[in-house]
């Protein structure tokens, strides 16, 4: 009798383990194409999404990481003193709209993910 109960308990445990494993989310890659975002001032920004459902980020068409702020602006990402990636004060622009000053700032402080 004890062996039967132990066998049933073992089978139930194995079945539960299999069912829990089957419910884990599969990694799904981000959309691979260009996504046009609209800044609050009406400018358009060509971006890519990279990553999966657990870890993901946005970047400009030429590979600079960007972050969306609470008020809807897309800004270049930078590392803070703790090494965390945060939004900077500089609004993101497409490469063809960037000036020399902005390009120098990116090369010094921006996060390249290309």
Protein backbone atom coordinates (compact mmCIF):
# COMPACT_ATOMS: atom_id res chain seq x y z
CA UNK A 1 0.00 0.00 0.00
CA UNK A 2 2.81 2.42 0.94
CA UNK A 3 4.58 1.68 -2.36
CA UNK A 4 1.43 2.54 -4.33
CA UNK A 5 1.01 5.87 -2.54
CA UNK A 6 4.69 6.71 -3.02
CA UNK A 7 4.48 5.80 -6.72
CA UNK A 8 1.38 7.97 -7.24
CA UNK A 9 2.99 10.88 -5.37
CA UNK A 10 6.16 10.55 -7.48
CA UNK A 11 4.18 10.47 -10.73
CA UNK A 12 2.16 13.54 -9.68
CA UNK A 13 5.37 15.43 -8.82
CA UNK A 14 6.92 14.55 -12.20
CA UNK A 15 3.75 15.56 -14.05
CA UNK A 16 3.66 18.88 -12.19
CA UNK A 17 7.31 19.52 -13.02
CA UNK A 18 6.70 18.89 -16.73
CA UNK A 19 3.65 21.18 -16.77
CA UNK A 20 5.58 24.02 -15.06
CA UNK A 21 8.46 23.65 -17.52
CA UNK A 22 6.08 23.83 -20.48
CA UNK A 23 4.69 27.16 -19.24
CA UNK A 24 8.02 29.04 -19.31
CA UNK A 25 8.04 31.84 -21.88
CA UNK A 26 10.07 31.22 -24.99
CA UNK A 27 12.50 33.92 -26.05
CA UNK A 28 10.98 35.94 -28.85
CA UNK A 29 13.25 38.27 -30.83
CA UNK A 30 12.31 41.92 -31.31
CA UNK A 31 10.86 43.18 -34.59
CA UNK A 32 13.86 43.28 -36.99
CA UNK A 33 12.84 46.18 -39.24
CA UNK A 34 13.05 49.96 -38.89
CA UNK A 35 10.36 51.57 -36.74
CA UNK A 36 9.60 55.24 -37.26
CA UNK A 37 8.98 57.03 -33.97
CA UNK A 38 7.53 60.52 -33.72
CA UNK A 39 9.05 63.01 -31.29
CA UNK A 40 6.63 65.37 -29.47
CA UNK A 41 7.72 68.22 -31.77
CA UNK A 42 6.70 66.21 -34.86
CA UNK A 43 10.18 65.11 -35.99
CA UNK A 44 10.45 61.47 -37.04
CA UNK A 45 13.19 59.17 -35.79
CA UNK A 46 14.16 55.87 -37.46
CA UNK A 47 14.85 53.24 -34.79
CA UNK A 48 15.47 49.55 -34.28
CA UNK A 49 14.39 47.33 -31.39
CA UNK A 50 16.92 44.78 -30.17
CA UNK A 51 16.60 42.00 -27.63
CA UNK A 52 13.74 39.76 -26.51
CA UNK A 53 10.89 39.88 -23.96
CA UNK A 54 13.30 39.86 -21.02
CA UNK A 55 15.96 42.31 -22.12
CA UNK A 56 15.53 44.87 -24.86
CA UNK A 57 16.56 48.35 -25.97
CA UNK A 58 16.03 50.85 -28.77
CA UNK A 59 18.71 52.30 -30.97
CA UNK A 60 18.98 54.75 -33.82
CA UNK A 61 19.45 53.53 -37.36
CA UNK A 62 23.22 53.98 -37.01
CA UNK A 63 23.50 52.15 -33.66
CA UNK A 64 23.28 54.74 -30.83
CA UNK A 65 21.16 53.51 -27.95
CA UNK A 66 18.17 55.68 -27.05
CA UNK A 67 15.64 55.80 -24.21
CA UNK A 68 12.09 57.13 -24.12
CA UNK A 69 11.42 59.66 -21.37
CA UNK A 70 8.22 59.96 -19.34
CA UNK A 71 7.07 62.90 -21.48
CA UNK A 72 7.49 60.99 -24.76
CA UNK A 73 10.87 62.25 -26.01
CA UNK A 74 13.43 59.82 -27.39
CA UNK A 75 16.84 60.79 -26.05
CA UNK A 76 20.33 59.37 -26.43
CA UNK A 77 21.36 56.95 -23.71
CA UNK A 78 24.43 57.46 -21.55
CA UNK A 79 25.96 55.73 -18.55
CA UNK A 80 25.52 57.38 -15.17
CA UNK A 81 28.08 57.27 -12.34
CA UNK A 82 26.75 53.87 -11.21
CA UNK A 83 27.22 52.45 -14.73
CA UNK A 84 23.47 52.27 -15.41
CA UNK A 85 22.18 53.24 -18.83
CA UNK A 86 19.87 56.26 -18.56
CA UNK A 87 18.38 58.90 -20.87
CA UNK A 88 20.59 61.94 -21.43
CA UNK A 89 19.38 65.51 -21.90
CA UNK A 90 20.04 65.33 -25.69
CA UNK A 91 17.11 64.60 -27.98
CA UNK A 92 17.82 61.81 -30.45
CA UNK A 93 18.00 62.65 -34.16
CA UNK A 94 18.56 60.70 -37.34
CA UNK A 95 22.20 60.67 -38.49
CA UNK A 96 21.50 63.00 -41.43
CA UNK A 97 20.08 65.67 -39.06
CA UNK A 98 22.92 65.54 -36.50
CA UNK A 99 25.44 68.37 -36.21
CA UNK A 100 29.18 68.06 -35.49
CA UNK A 101 28.73 69.07 -31.86
CA UNK A 102 26.13 66.37 -31.28
CA UNK A 103 28.28 63.76 -33.03
CA UNK A 104 31.26 64.63 -30.81
CA UNK A 105 29.06 64.38 -27.71
CA UNK A 106 27.86 60.92 -28.80
CA UNK A 107 31.40 59.70 -29.44
CA UNK A 108 32.40 60.81 -25.94
CA UNK A 109 29.30 59.92 -23.86
CA UNK A 110 26.84 57.95 -25.98
CA UNK A 111 26.22 54.20 -25.82
CA UNK A 112 26.96 52.47 -29.16
CA UNK A 113 25.07 49.22 -29.69
CA UNK A 114 25.50 48.62 -33.42
